[in-house]
Amino acid sequence: MLCLTEGQMSDHIGAKLLYPALPSHNCIMIGDKGYDSDAYRAALLAKNITPCIPPRKGRLVPADFDKNLYRQRHKIENLFARLKDWRRIHTRYDRCAHSFMAAITIAAICAFWIS
């Protein structure tokens, strides 16, 4: 599932939009520190999804996460790095969400299918 939000919206607030679309089977969600909130973790656990999210630095009670599994997140970061090689995507020239999403789609096709 892909949801395009404003650039200034935090990750765990934007993830609230996706709560109804979360799968309801046993799987693991790997996220960065931006997704570290008690509400998001509770929503994942309610859907039987194991969160693998490192705790934020200022968290009073640090949550546990699997460090070995979290290392796999670099594959997703590499995907975004390849998309951001395109200047139009990196600087977000498009003001409209549908134009920006179209530019992401074209960049993804060129970066992963053609090359």
C-alpha atoms as a PDB file:
ATOM      1  CA  MET A   1       0.000   0.000   0.000  1.00  0.00           C
ATOM      2  CA  LEU A   2       1.264   3.447  -0.871  1.00  0.00           C
ATOM      3  CA  CYS A   3      -0.031   6.681   0.639  1.00  0.00           C
ATOM      4  CA  LEU A   4       1.351  10.056  -0.415  1.00  0.00           C
ATOM      5  CA  THR A   5       1.200  12.659   2.378  1.00  0.00           C
ATOM      6  CA  GLU A   6       2.539  16.160   2.898  1.00  0.00           C
ATOM      7  CA  GLY A   7       6.273  16.468   3.391  1.00  0.00           C
ATOM      8  CA  GLN A   8       5.913  18.059   6.827  1.00  0.00           C
ATOM      9  CA  MET A   9       3.639  15.313   8.221  1.00  0.00           C
ATOM     10  CA  SER A  10       5.363  12.995  10.679  1.00  0.00           C
ATOM     11  CA  ASP A  11       5.513   9.299   9.878  1.00  0.00           C
ATOM     12  CA  HIS A  12       3.445   7.948  12.751  1.00  0.00           C
ATOM     13  CA  ILE A  13       0.665  10.508  12.143  1.00  0.00           C
ATOM     14  CA  GLY A  14       0.596   9.681   8.429  1.00  0.00           C
ATOM     15  CA  ALA A  15       0.463   5.991   9.301  1.00  0.00           C
ATOM     16  CA  LYS A  16      -2.897   6.558  11.024  1.00  0.00           C
ATOM     17  CA  LEU A  17      -4.386   6.892   7.546  1.00  0.00           C
ATOM     18  CA  LEU A  18      -3.321   3.323   6.801  1.00  0.00           C
ATOM     19  CA  TYR A  19      -4.701   1.637   9.968  1.00  0.00           C
ATOM     20  CA  PRO A  20      -7.797   0.218   8.212  1.00  0.00           C
ATOM     21  CA  ALA A  21      -5.695  -1.145   5.338  1.00  0.00           C
ATOM     22  CA  LEU A  22      -3.228  -3.037   7.533  1.00  0.00           C
ATOM     23  CA  PRO A  23      -3.205  -6.774   6.858  1.00  0.00           C
ATOM     24  CA  SER A  24      -4.693  -8.945   9.574  1.00  0.00           C
ATOM     25  CA  HIS A  25      -2.257 -11.825   9.510  1.00  0.00           C
ATOM     26  CA  ASN A  26       0.992 -12.668  11.231  1.00  0.00           C
ATOM     27  CA  CYS A  27       3.784 -10.574   9.683  1.00  0.00           C
ATOM     28  CA  ILE A  28       6.489  -8.104  10.684  1.00  0.00           C
ATOM     29  CA  MET A  29       6.586  -4.349  10.069  1.00  0.00           C
ATOM     30  CA  ILE A  30      10.075  -2.858   9.836  1.00  0.00           C
ATOM     31  CA  GLY A  31      10.060   0.913  10.314  1.00  0.00           C
ATOM     32  CA  ASP A  32      12.432   3.667  11.310  1.00  0.00           C
ATOM     33  CA  LYS A  33      12.322   5.792  14.448  1.00  0.00           C
ATOM     34  CA  GLY A  34       9.696   8.063  12.883  1.00  0.00           C
ATOM     35  CA  TYR A  35       7.108   5.321  13.401  1.00  0.00           C
ATOM     36  CA  ASP A  36       7.897   4.912  17.103  1.00  0.00           C
ATOM     37  CA  SER A  37       4.670   5.735  18.939  1.00  0.00           C
ATOM     38  CA  ASP A  38       2.630   3.756  21.415  1.00  0.00           C
ATOM     39  CA  ALA A  39      -0.547   4.189  19.352  1.00  0.00           C
ATOM     40  CA  TYR A  40       1.074   2.816  16.189  1.00  0.00           C
ATOM     41  CA  ARG A  41       2.594  -0.132  18.040  1.00  0.00           C
ATOM     42  CA  ALA A  42      -0.803  -0.906  19.606  1.00  0.00           C
ATOM     43  CA  ALA A  43      -2.499  -0.766  16.190  1.00  0.00           C
ATOM     44  CA  LEU A  44       0.083  -3.159  14.752  1.00  0.00           C
ATOM     45  CA  LEU A  45      -0.265  -5.595  17.646  1.00  0.00           C
ATOM     46  CA  ALA A  46      -4.072  -5.462  17.363  1.00  0.00           C
ATOM     47  CA  LYS A  47      -3.732  -6.695  13.769  1.00  0.00           C
ATOM     48  CA  ASN A  48      -1.262  -9.427  14.858  1.00  0.00           C
ATOM     49  CA  ILE A  49       1.693  -7.625  13.238  1.00  0.00           C
ATOM     50  CA  THR A  50       5.020  -7.655  15.059  1.00  0.00           C
ATOM     51  CA  PRO A  51       6.630  -4.181  15.088  1.00  0.00           C
ATOM     52  CA  CYS A  52      10.380  -3.986  14.464  1.00  0.00           C
ATOM     53  CA  ILE A  53      10.847  -0.279  15.197  1.00  0.00           C
ATOM     54  CA  PRO A  54      13.822   1.102  17.138  1.00  0.00           C
ATOM     55  CA  PRO A  55      12.907   3.423  20.014  1.00  0.00           C
ATOM     56  CA  ARG A  56      13.394   7.181  19.768  1.00  0.00           C
ATOM     57  CA  LYS A  57      16.245   8.669  21.736  1.00  0.00           C
ATOM     58  CA  GLY A  58      13.993  10.501  24.216  1.00  0.00           C
ATOM     59  CA  ARG A  59      11.691   7.573  24.972  1.00  0.00           C
ATOM     60  CA  LEU A  60      11.379   6.896  28.718  1.00  0.00           C
ATOM     61  CA  VAL A  61      10.749   3.151  28.383  1.00  0.00           C
ATOM     62  CA  PRO A  62      12.651   1.888  25.322  1.00  0.00           C
ATOM     63  CA  ALA A  63      10.789  -0.704  23.284  1.00  0.00           C
ATOM     64  CA  ASP A  64      12.463  -3.921  22.205  1.00  0.00           C
ATOM     65  CA  PHE A  65      13.208  -4.652  18.552  1.00  0.00           C
ATOM     66  CA  ASP A  66      15.174  -7.249  16.603  1.00  0.00           C
ATOM     67  CA  LYS A  67      18.427  -5.571  15.540  1.00  0.00           C
ATOM     68  CA  ASN A  68      19.320  -8.325  13.061  1.00  0.00           C
ATOM     69  CA  LEU A  69      15.965  -8.034  11.312  1.00  0.00           C
ATOM     70  CA  TYR A  70      16.127  -4.229  11.351  1.00  0.00           C
ATOM     71  CA  ARG A  71      19.346  -4.378   9.318  1.00  0.00           C
ATOM     72  CA  GLN A  72      17.251  -5.585   6.350  1.00  0.00           C
ATOM     73  CA  ARG A  73      15.679  -2.124   6.158  1.00  0.00           C
ATOM     74  CA  HIS A  74      18.619  -0.898   4.071  1.00  0.00           C
ATOM     75  CA  LYS A  75      17.048  -2.565   1.025  1.00  0.00           C
ATOM     76  CA  ILE A  76      14.074  -0.224   1.232  1.00  0.00           C
ATOM     77  CA  GLU A  77      16.354   2.763   1.794  1.00  0.00           C
ATOM     78  CA  ASN A  78      18.289   1.774  -1.340  1.00  0.00           C
ATOM     79  CA  LEU A  79      15.030   1.813  -3.306  1.00  0.00           C
ATOM     80  CA  PHE A  80      14.279   5.373  -2.207  1.00  0.00           C
ATOM     81  CA  ALA A  81      17.861   6.408  -2.941  1.00  0.00           C
ATOM     82  CA  ARG A  82      17.496   5.161  -6.526  1.00  0.00           C
ATOM     83  CA  LEU A  83      14.255   7.094  -6.936  1.00  0.00           C
ATOM     84  CA  LYS A  84      15.818  10.251  -5.518  1.00  0.00           C
ATOM     85  CA  ASP A  85      18.538  10.135  -8.164  1.00  0.00           C
ATOM     86  CA  TRP A  86      15.906  11.817 -10.299  1.00  0.00           C
ATOM     87  CA  ARG A  87      16.096  15.537  -9.612  1.00  0.00           C
ATOM     88  CA  ARG A  88      12.368  16.039 -10.066  1.00  0.00           C
ATOM     89  CA  ILE A  89      11.670  13.515  -7.290  1.00  0.00           C
ATOM     90  CA  HIS A  90      14.461  14.685  -4.975  1.00  0.00           C
ATOM     91  CA  THR A  91      13.401  18.345  -4.980  1.00  0.00           C
ATOM     92  CA  ARG A  92       9.657  17.674  -5.462  1.00  0.00           C
ATOM     93  CA  TYR A  93       9.088  20.103  -8.312  1.00  0.00           C
ATOM     94  CA  ASP A  94       5.459  19.084  -8.702  1.00  0.00           C
ATOM     95  CA  ARG A  95       2.961  20.876  -6.492  1.00  0.00           C
ATOM     96  CA  CYS A  96       0.035  18.541  -7.124  1.00  0.00           C
ATOM     97  CA  ALA A  97       0.065  15.113  -5.521  1.00  0.00           C
ATOM     98  CA  HIS A  98      -1.129  13.354  -8.684  1.00  0.00           C
ATOM     99  CA  SER A  99       1.676  14.914 -10.768  1.00  0.00           C
ATOM    100  CA  PHE A 100       4.275  13.970  -8.157  1.00  0.00           C
ATOM    101  CA  MET A 101       2.937  10.405  -7.982  1.00  0.00           C
ATOM    102  CA  ALA A 102       3.115  10.176 -11.785  1.00  0.00           C
ATOM    103  CA  ALA A 103       6.751  11.339 -11.696  1.00  0.00           C
ATOM    104  CA  ILE A 104       7.543   8.692  -9.058  1.00  0.00           C
ATOM    105  CA  THR A 105       5.897   6.036 -11.228  1.00  0.00           C
ATOM    106  CA  ILE A 106       7.885   7.037 -14.305  1.00  0.00           C
ATOM    107  CA  ALA A 107      11.135   7.135 -12.313  1.00  0.00           C
ATOM    108  CA  ALA A 108      10.405   3.696 -10.845  1.00  0.00           C
ATOM    109  CA  ILE A 109       9.712   2.234 -14.288  1.00  0.00           C
ATOM    110  CA  CYS A 110      12.911   3.676 -15.724  1.00  0.00           C
ATOM    111  CA  ALA A 111      15.090   2.819 -12.742  1.00  0.00           C
ATOM    112  CA  PHE A 112      13.940  -0.748 -12.188  1.00  0.00           C
ATOM    113  CA  TRP A 113      12.460  -2.051 -15.426  1.00  0.00           C
ATOM    114  CA  ILE A 114      14.559  -0.492 -18.165  1.00  0.00           C
ATOM    115  CA  SER A 115      17.974  -0.632 -16.472  1.00  0.00           C
END
